[in-house]
Structures are given as C-alpha cells and as structure tokens.
Amino acid sequence: TFYFIVATGLKYTVGLTSTNPQNMHIYLLNAAPNQAIVIAIIYTNPQRLDIFVDSEYITPTNGYYEDGNLRYQRGNDDEFIPTISDSHGTNYYSRASKKLYIV
C-alpha cells in the first residue's frame, strides 16, 4: 500500500524503487467528480499496460480499433498525454519517457 497526499489540478510523477506491481488501484479520496490529477508512473520495462475504470477497459489516447484489433498511432507525445480536463481513466504510455500517464 502506498499513500500520498496531493492537491487536485496538478501533475505528479511516481517512481517505484522495486519491480512495479502487476495490479495497482489508484483512488483520489474525498474529491469531487470534477477534481482530478494526472499521475505519471515510471515503467522502465516496456509492456502493455491496461487501464480499467469500474471494470471497463479504457483505450489509450493513441489507441484505435481496426478490424477488432487494438492498434496504436505514432506521433509526438504532446499529442497523446492526457490533461486534467480529460475524463477519469484517460491514459497514455510514452515509450520515450517510459511513463504511464493517467487521469
């Protein structure tokens, strides 16, 4: 369990000193539905990272479906990194910075 206190409306970067967990639950306790943060979690081992909100899979911002298969657009990170105004669960993994961005 990892607890931290944050202010809403800001971006944070988290780096874990050991192997990243296979499953992680992120909650913003006592926040209004319109309050959010963007958290960037460092993942040095590139792998597919799936984000779910209330058991619903959230497609990454650079993801799209073609013939029923998930595909990824290439482009500049700035095009895909989520912002505070995006909906909860919006996500993007940057291979360049090795960070998973989640609202």
C-alpha atoms as a PDB file:
ATOM      1  CA  THR A   1       0.000   0.000   0.000  1.00  0.00           C
ATOM      2  CA  PHE A   2       1.322   3.390  -0.991  1.00  0.00           C
ATOM      3  CA  TYR A   3      -0.413   6.511   0.337  1.00  0.00           C
ATOM      4  CA  PHE A   4       0.334  10.070  -0.653  1.00  0.00           C
ATOM      5  CA  ILE A   5      -1.372  13.420  -0.241  1.00  0.00           C
ATOM      6  CA  VAL A   6      -1.855  15.506  -3.371  1.00  0.00           C
ATOM      7  CA  ALA A   7      -3.518  18.709  -4.475  1.00  0.00           C
ATOM      8  CA  THR A   8      -6.006  18.356  -7.321  1.00  0.00           C
ATOM      9  CA  GLY A   9      -5.450  20.010 -10.667  1.00  0.00           C
ATOM     10  CA  LEU A  10      -1.733  19.166 -10.801  1.00  0.00           C
ATOM     11  CA  LYS A  11       0.583  16.612 -12.438  1.00  0.00           C
ATOM     12  CA  TYR A  12       2.701  14.181 -10.419  1.00  0.00           C
ATOM     13  CA  THR A  13       5.417  11.668 -11.304  1.00  0.00           C
ATOM     14  CA  VAL A  14       5.852   8.485  -9.269  1.00  0.00           C
ATOM     15  CA  GLY A  15       8.863   6.210  -9.494  1.00  0.00           C
ATOM     16  CA  LEU A  16       8.921   2.945  -7.571  1.00  0.00           C
ATOM     17  CA  THR A  17      12.283   1.633  -6.372  1.00  0.00           C
ATOM     18  CA  SER A  18      11.482  -2.012  -6.973  1.00  0.00           C
ATOM     19  CA  THR A  19       9.523  -4.013  -9.513  1.00  0.00           C
ATOM     20  CA  ASN A  20       6.265  -2.286 -10.365  1.00  0.00           C
ATOM     21  CA  PRO A  21       3.190  -4.200  -9.166  1.00  0.00           C
ATOM     22  CA  GLN A  22       1.183  -6.301 -11.617  1.00  0.00           C
ATOM     23  CA  ASN A  23      -2.046  -4.682 -10.372  1.00  0.00           C
ATOM     24  CA  MET A  24      -2.457  -1.208  -8.947  1.00  0.00           C
ATOM     25  CA  HIS A  25      -5.540   0.630  -7.718  1.00  0.00           C
ATOM     26  CA  ILE A  26      -5.455   4.427  -7.713  1.00  0.00           C
ATOM     27  CA  TYR A  27      -8.070   6.370  -5.786  1.00  0.00           C
ATOM     28  CA  LEU A  28      -8.488  10.087  -5.228  1.00  0.00           C
ATOM     29  CA  LEU A  29     -10.342  10.040  -1.924  1.00  0.00           C
ATOM     30  CA  ASN A  30     -12.752  12.771  -0.862  1.00  0.00           C
ATOM     31  CA  ALA A  31     -12.571  14.511  -4.239  1.00  0.00           C
ATOM     32  CA  ALA A  32     -15.493  15.953  -6.156  1.00  0.00           C
ATOM     33  CA  PRO A  33     -16.274  14.323  -9.528  1.00  0.00           C
ATOM     34  CA  ASN A  34     -14.804  17.337 -11.350  1.00  0.00           C
ATOM     35  CA  GLN A  35     -11.471  17.167  -9.482  1.00  0.00           C
ATOM     36  CA  ALA A  36      -8.541  15.227 -10.925  1.00  0.00           C
ATOM     37  CA  ILE A  37      -4.775  14.833 -11.112  1.00  0.00           C
ATOM     38  CA  VAL A  38      -2.523  13.498 -13.837  1.00  0.00           C
ATOM     39  CA  ILE A  39      -0.144  10.895 -12.466  1.00  0.00           C
ATOM     40  CA  ALA A  40       2.865   9.669 -14.450  1.00  0.00           C
ATOM     41  CA  ILE A  41       4.133   6.305 -13.245  1.00  0.00           C
ATOM     42  CA  ILE A  42       7.596   5.299 -14.415  1.00  0.00           C
ATOM     43  CA  TYR A  43       7.674   1.835 -16.031  1.00  0.00           C
ATOM     44  CA  THR A  44      11.170   1.022 -17.284  1.00  0.00           C
ATOM     45  CA  ASN A  45      10.134  -2.356 -18.685  1.00  0.00           C
ATOM     46  CA  PRO A  46       8.041  -1.712 -21.815  1.00  0.00           C
ATOM     47  CA  GLN A  47       4.928  -3.844 -21.782  1.00  0.00           C
ATOM     48  CA  ARG A  48       1.238  -3.460 -22.484  1.00  0.00           C
ATOM     49  CA  LEU A  49      -0.439  -1.668 -19.592  1.00  0.00           C
ATOM     50  CA  ASP A  50      -4.240  -1.837 -19.429  1.00  0.00           C
ATOM     51  CA  ILE A  51      -6.323   0.732 -17.548  1.00  0.00           C
ATOM     52  CA  PHE A  52      -9.808  -0.024 -16.230  1.00  0.00           C
ATOM     53  CA  VAL A  53     -12.375   2.261 -14.604  1.00  0.00           C
ATOM     54  CA  ASP A  54     -15.246   0.446 -12.888  1.00  0.00           C
ATOM     55  CA  SER A  55     -14.268  -2.780 -14.728  1.00  0.00           C
ATOM     56  CA  GLU A  56     -14.432  -1.022 -18.129  1.00  0.00           C
ATOM     57  CA  TYR A  57     -11.294  -1.033 -20.313  1.00  0.00           C
ATOM     58  CA  ILE A  58     -10.129   2.472 -21.244  1.00  0.00           C
ATOM     59  CA  THR A  59      -8.423   2.691 -24.651  1.00  0.00           C
ATOM     60  CA  PRO A  60      -5.169   4.726 -24.581  1.00  0.00           C
ATOM     61  CA  THR A  61      -5.311   8.157 -26.203  1.00  0.00           C
ATOM     62  CA  ASN A  62      -3.174   6.892 -29.089  1.00  0.00           C
ATOM     63  CA  GLY A  63      -5.188   3.676 -29.465  1.00  0.00           C
ATOM     64  CA  TYR A  64      -7.852   2.798 -32.001  1.00  0.00           C
ATOM     65  CA  TYR A  65      -9.559  -0.358 -33.202  1.00  0.00           C
ATOM     66  CA  GLU A  66      -9.144  -1.724 -36.704  1.00  0.00           C
ATOM     67  CA  ASP A  67     -10.924  -4.961 -37.650  1.00  0.00           C
ATOM     68  CA  GLY A  68     -11.478  -5.655 -33.948  1.00  0.00           C
ATOM     69  CA  ASN A  69      -7.771  -5.325 -33.090  1.00  0.00           C
ATOM     70  CA  LEU A  70      -6.232  -2.597 -30.953  1.00  0.00           C
ATOM     71  CA  ARG A  71      -3.726  -0.517 -32.926  1.00  0.00           C
ATOM     72  CA  TYR A  72      -1.525   2.388 -31.846  1.00  0.00           C
ATOM     73  CA  GLN A  73      -0.936   5.686 -33.617  1.00  0.00           C
ATOM     74  CA  ARG A  74       2.574   7.035 -33.818  1.00  0.00           C
ATOM     75  CA  GLY A  75       3.224  10.668 -33.111  1.00  0.00           C
ATOM     76  CA  ASN A  76       4.609  13.211 -30.717  1.00  0.00           C
ATOM     77  CA  ASP A  77       3.955  12.557 -27.006  1.00  0.00           C
ATOM     78  CA  ASP A  78       2.380  16.018 -26.688  1.00  0.00           C
ATOM     79  CA  GLU A  79      -0.492  14.836 -28.895  1.00  0.00           C
ATOM     80  CA  PHE A  80      -1.423  11.975 -26.568  1.00  0.00           C
ATOM     81  CA  ILE A  81      -0.504  12.858 -22.960  1.00  0.00           C
ATOM     82  CA  PRO A  82      -3.779  13.366 -21.056  1.00  0.00           C
ATOM     83  CA  THR A  83      -4.644  16.645 -19.370  1.00  0.00           C
ATOM     84  CA  ILE A  84      -6.527  17.465 -16.181  1.00  0.00           C
ATOM     85  CA  SER A  85      -9.663  18.221 -18.219  1.00  0.00           C
ATOM     86  CA  ASP A  86      -9.799  14.695 -19.715  1.00  0.00           C
ATOM     87  CA  SER A  87     -12.138  12.106 -18.202  1.00  0.00           C
ATOM     88  CA  HIS A  88     -11.025   9.788 -15.403  1.00  0.00           C
ATOM     89  CA  GLY A  89      -9.028   6.836 -16.711  1.00  0.00           C
ATOM     90  CA  THR A  90      -7.704   8.616 -19.792  1.00  0.00           C
ATOM     91  CA  ASN A  91      -4.225   7.185 -20.304  1.00  0.00           C
ATOM     92  CA  TYR A  92      -1.125   7.028 -22.478  1.00  0.00           C
ATOM     93  CA  TYR A  93       2.196   5.167 -22.220  1.00  0.00           C
ATOM     94  CA  SER A  94       5.189   7.094 -23.552  1.00  0.00           C
ATOM     95  CA  ARG A  95       7.955   4.775 -24.712  1.00  0.00           C
ATOM     96  CA  ALA A  96      10.303   7.777 -24.962  1.00  0.00           C
ATOM     97  CA  SER A  97       9.955   8.838 -21.311  1.00  0.00           C
ATOM     98  CA  LYS A  98       8.919   5.345 -20.077  1.00  0.00           C
ATOM     99  CA  LYS A  99       5.970   6.845 -18.194  1.00  0.00           C
ATOM    100  CA  LEU A 100       2.341   5.778 -17.978  1.00  0.00           C
ATOM    101  CA  TYR A 101       0.151   8.904 -17.773  1.00  0.00           C
ATOM    102  CA  ILE A 102      -3.277   8.502 -16.164  1.00  0.00           C
ATOM    103  CA  VAL A 103      -6.003  10.991 -15.182  1.00  0.00           C
END
